[in-house]
Protein backbone atom coordinates (compact mmCIF):
# COMPACT_ATOMS: atom_id res chain seq x y z
CA MET A 1 -23.08 14.91 -2.87
CA PRO A 2 -22.44 15.34 -6.61
CA ARG A 3 -20.14 12.85 -8.31
CA THR A 4 -16.78 14.26 -9.32
CA THR A 5 -14.88 13.42 -12.48
CA ARG A 6 -12.52 11.40 -10.30
CA ASP A 7 -15.46 9.39 -8.95
CA LEU A 8 -16.68 8.70 -12.49
CA LEU A 9 -13.20 7.59 -13.53
CA LEU A 10 -12.95 5.25 -10.55
CA ASP A 11 -16.41 3.82 -11.27
CA ALA A 12 -15.40 3.07 -14.86
CA ALA A 13 -12.08 1.59 -13.75
CA GLU A 14 -13.85 -0.69 -11.24
CA GLN A 15 -16.20 -1.93 -13.96
CA LEU A 16 -13.25 -2.73 -16.20
CA LEU A 17 -11.39 -4.40 -13.35
CA ASP A 18 -14.39 -6.53 -12.40
CA ALA A 19 -14.99 -7.55 -16.02
CA GLY A 20 -11.44 -8.32 -17.11
CA GLY A 21 -8.93 -7.94 -14.31
CA VAL A 22 -6.05 -5.50 -14.05
CA GLU A 23 -5.09 -6.01 -17.69
CA ALA A 24 -8.47 -4.64 -18.83
CA VAL A 25 -7.95 -1.33 -17.05
CA THR A 26 -6.39 1.33 -19.26
CA LEU A 27 -6.53 5.05 -18.69
CA ARG A 28 -7.74 5.58 -22.24
CA GLU A 29 -10.68 3.16 -21.82
CA VAL A 30 -11.48 4.58 -18.38
CA GLY A 31 -11.72 8.05 -19.95
CA HIS A 32 -13.85 6.73 -22.80
CA ARG A 33 -16.28 4.95 -20.47
CA SER A 34 -16.50 8.00 -18.24
CA GLY A 35 -17.45 10.24 -21.16
CA VAL A 36 -14.41 12.46 -20.80
CA SER A 37 -11.44 13.04 -23.07
CA HIS A 38 -8.80 10.31 -23.26
CA ASN A 39 -6.38 12.68 -21.49
CA ALA A 40 -8.71 13.51 -18.58
CA PRO A 41 -7.68 10.50 -16.46
CA TYR A 42 -4.09 11.77 -16.47
CA LYS A 43 -5.25 14.93 -14.67
CA HIS A 44 -6.32 12.74 -11.75
CA PHE A 45 -3.89 9.80 -11.90
CA ARG A 46 -0.27 9.99 -13.00
CA ASN A 47 -0.37 6.42 -14.39
CA LYS A 48 -2.28 3.16 -14.34
CA GLU A 49 -0.79 2.03 -11.03
CA ALA A 50 -1.93 5.26 -9.36
CA LEU A 51 -5.44 4.62 -10.70
CA LEU A 52 -5.36 1.03 -9.43
CA ALA A 53 -4.13 2.20 -6.02
CA ALA A 54 -7.05 4.65 -5.88
CA ILE A 55 -9.48 1.80 -6.65
CA ALA A 56 -7.93 -0.32 -3.89
CA ALA A 57 -8.01 2.59 -1.42
CA ARG A 58 -11.66 3.32 -2.19
CA GLU A 59 -12.59 -0.33 -1.66
CA LEU A 60 -10.72 -0.44 1.67
CA ARG A 61 -12.53 2.71 2.81
CA ARG A 62 -15.87 1.09 1.93
CA ARG A 63 -15.01 -1.96 4.01
CA ARG A 64 -13.86 0.24 6.91
CA ASP A 65 -17.04 2.33 6.77
CA ARG A 66 -19.27 -0.76 6.90
CA LEU A 67 -17.41 -2.02 9.95
CA THR A 68 -17.58 1.41 11.61
CA THR A 69 -21.35 1.48 11.15
CA ALA A 70 -21.71 -2.07 12.49
CA LEU A 71 -19.56 -1.33 15.55
CA ALA A 72 -21.74 1.69 16.35
CA GLY A 73 -24.82 -0.55 16.50
CA THR A 74 -26.16 -2.69 19.32
CA GLU A 75 -24.94 -6.07 18.09
CA PRO A 76 -22.30 -7.75 20.31
CA PRO A 77 -18.72 -7.10 19.14
CA GLU A 78 -18.09 -10.80 18.49
CA GLN A 79 -21.03 -10.94 16.09
CA VAL A 80 -19.91 -7.75 14.34
CA LEU A 81 -16.42 -9.19 13.90
CA ARG A 82 -17.79 -12.55 12.73
CA ARG A 83 -20.11 -10.95 10.16
CA SER A 84 -17.37 -8.59 9.01
CA LEU A 85 -14.88 -11.39 8.41
CA GLN A 86 -17.49 -13.59 6.76
CA ARG A 87 -18.62 -10.72 4.54
CA TYR A 88 -14.96 -10.13 3.66
CA ALA A 89 -14.65 -13.71 2.40
CA GLU A 90 -17.92 -13.40 0.47
CA TRP A 91 -16.80 -10.06 -1.00
CA ALA A 92 -13.52 -11.66 -2.14
CA GLN A 93 -15.48 -14.29 -4.03
CA GLU A 94 -17.89 -11.72 -5.46
CA TYR A 95 -15.10 -9.32 -6.53
CA PRO A 96 -12.01 -11.50 -7.04
CA ALA A 97 -10.14 -8.91 -9.12
CA ARG A 98 -10.56 -6.26 -6.39
CA PHE A 99 -9.50 -8.79 -3.76
CA LYS A 100 -6.36 -9.70 -5.69
CA LEU A 101 -5.65 -6.05 -6.49
CA ILE A 102 -5.80 -4.87 -2.89
CA TYR A 103 -3.62 -7.66 -1.57
CA GLY A 104 -1.26 -7.90 -4.51
CA ARG A 105 2.26 -6.58 -4.75
CA TRP A 106 2.63 -2.83 -5.28
CA THR A 107 5.75 -1.48 -6.98
CA THR A 108 4.98 2.21 -6.50
CA PRO A 109 4.09 3.58 -3.07
CA SER A 110 0.69 5.28 -2.70
CA ASP A 111 -0.04 7.47 0.29
CA GLU A 112 -3.77 7.18 -0.40
CA LEU A 113 -3.63 3.38 -0.38
CA ALA A 114 -1.38 3.25 2.68
CA GLU A 115 -3.74 5.53 4.64
CA ALA A 116 -6.82 3.54 3.61
CA ALA A 117 -5.15 0.23 4.49
CA HIS A 118 -4.08 1.57 7.88
CA ALA A 119 -7.57 2.91 8.64
CA ALA A 120 -9.26 -0.35 7.62
CA SER A 121 -6.82 -2.38 9.70
CA ALA A 122 -7.25 -0.06 12.70
CA GLN A 123 -11.02 -0.52 12.55
CA LEU A 124 -10.65 -4.31 12.47
CA LEU A 125 -8.29 -4.05 15.42
CA THR A 126 -10.97 -2.06 17.28
CA ALA A 127 -13.42 -4.90 16.63
CA VAL A 128 -10.94 -7.51 17.91
CA ARG A 129 -10.27 -5.49 21.07
CA ALA A 130 -13.99 -5.05 21.67
CA ALA A 131 -14.54 -8.81 21.33
CA GLN A 132 -11.63 -9.44 23.70
CA ALA A 133 -13.09 -6.97 26.21
CA THR A 134 -16.36 -8.92 26.33
CA GLY A 135 -14.52 -12.23 26.75
CA ALA A 136 -15.63 -13.51 23.33
CA LEU A 137 -11.99 -13.76 22.22
CA PRO A 138 -9.00 -14.77 24.33
CA PRO A 139 -6.75 -12.15 25.89
CA GLY A 140 -3.38 -11.47 24.39
CA ASP A 141 -1.84 -9.34 21.69
CA PRO A 142 -4.79 -8.05 19.64
CA ASP A 143 -2.53 -7.32 16.65
CA ARG A 144 -1.40 -10.93 16.53
CA LEU A 145 -4.95 -12.21 16.98
CA LEU A 146 -6.10 -9.95 14.14
CA ALA A 147 -3.29 -11.31 11.96
CA LEU A 148 -4.53 -14.86 12.67
CA LEU A 149 -8.14 -13.96 11.87
CA ARG A 150 -7.17 -12.05 8.75
CA ALA A 151 -4.89 -14.86 7.57
CA LEU A 152 -7.69 -17.41 7.89
CA ALA A 153 -10.28 -15.17 6.22
CA HIS A 154 -7.91 -14.29 3.39
CA GLY A 155 -6.62 -17.82 2.92
CA ALA A 156 -10.08 -19.35 3.04
CA ALA A 157 -11.34 -16.84 0.47
CA ASP A 158 -8.34 -17.56 -1.76
CA LEU A 159 -8.87 -21.33 -1.46
CA ALA A 160 -12.56 -20.95 -2.28
CA LEU A 161 -11.73 -18.83 -5.34
CA ALA A 162 -9.36 -21.53 -6.56
CA GLY A 163 -12.01 -24.22 -6.10
CA HIS A 164 -10.33 -25.86 -3.10
CA LEU A 165 -13.17 -25.31 -0.63
CA ALA A 166 -16.79 -26.35 -0.87
CA PRO A 167 -19.32 -27.34 1.80
CA ASP A 168 -20.15 -30.53 -0.11
CA GLY A 169 -16.65 -31.15 -1.46
CA LYS A 170 -13.08 -30.14 -0.69
CA GLY A 171 -12.57 -29.13 2.91
CA HIS A 172 -16.22 -29.81 3.72
CA ALA A 173 -16.57 -26.08 4.34
CA ASP A 174 -16.85 -22.71 2.73
CA ALA A 175 -14.84 -19.65 3.70
CA PRO A 176 -17.49 -18.10 6.00
CA GLY A 177 -17.90 -21.47 7.72
CA LEU A 178 -14.17 -21.75 8.42
CA ILE A 179 -14.20 -18.25 9.89
CA ASP A 180 -17.08 -19.28 12.12
CA ASP A 181 -15.13 -22.41 13.16
CA LEU A 182 -12.03 -20.42 14.07
CA LEU A 183 -13.97 -17.92 16.15
CA HIS A 184 -15.69 -20.81 17.91
CA TYR A 185 -12.34 -22.50 18.64
CA LEU A 186 -10.87 -19.24 19.92
CA ARG A 187 -13.75 -18.63 22.31
CA PRO A 188 -12.46 -19.02 25.87
CA ALA A 189 -13.90 -22.02 27.75
């Protein structure tokens, strides 16, 4: 499928975000890096926050799509969930500005971001339910269990980013290892 101008703008914005955080992303520089006029980004995004919301939505859709593909495979649901949560923590460390952007405070509502967040969360919930159905996770409210898993994955990633987790140092663990520990502890006897 051919890349649209919007795709090119989002690519440029992601590069700026990854290199310098939210402050580095300006619509003018996004247009410049995309090879379009400095006004072109405004035809696709009403302001910087709309552009940032589109970046966050695109990243959430990527994460959802990877999980969808994994769930369609033959691997047991518990392993899919484990790998997905561990990859989430690794992704947060690889792309800290995207991680902080997605889970930061938003002052302007974005339907695109809300839909992407809901879809990503729904797919994770599907993985939790599938793991519960096989007995790999305890029964109970899957939404609450997902909140627990997400809180650990997010918190562990955040601690690792801040230098408060290391297998040979603080916490005697890394974020993926703590996720593995939690899933092990949650496994019914």
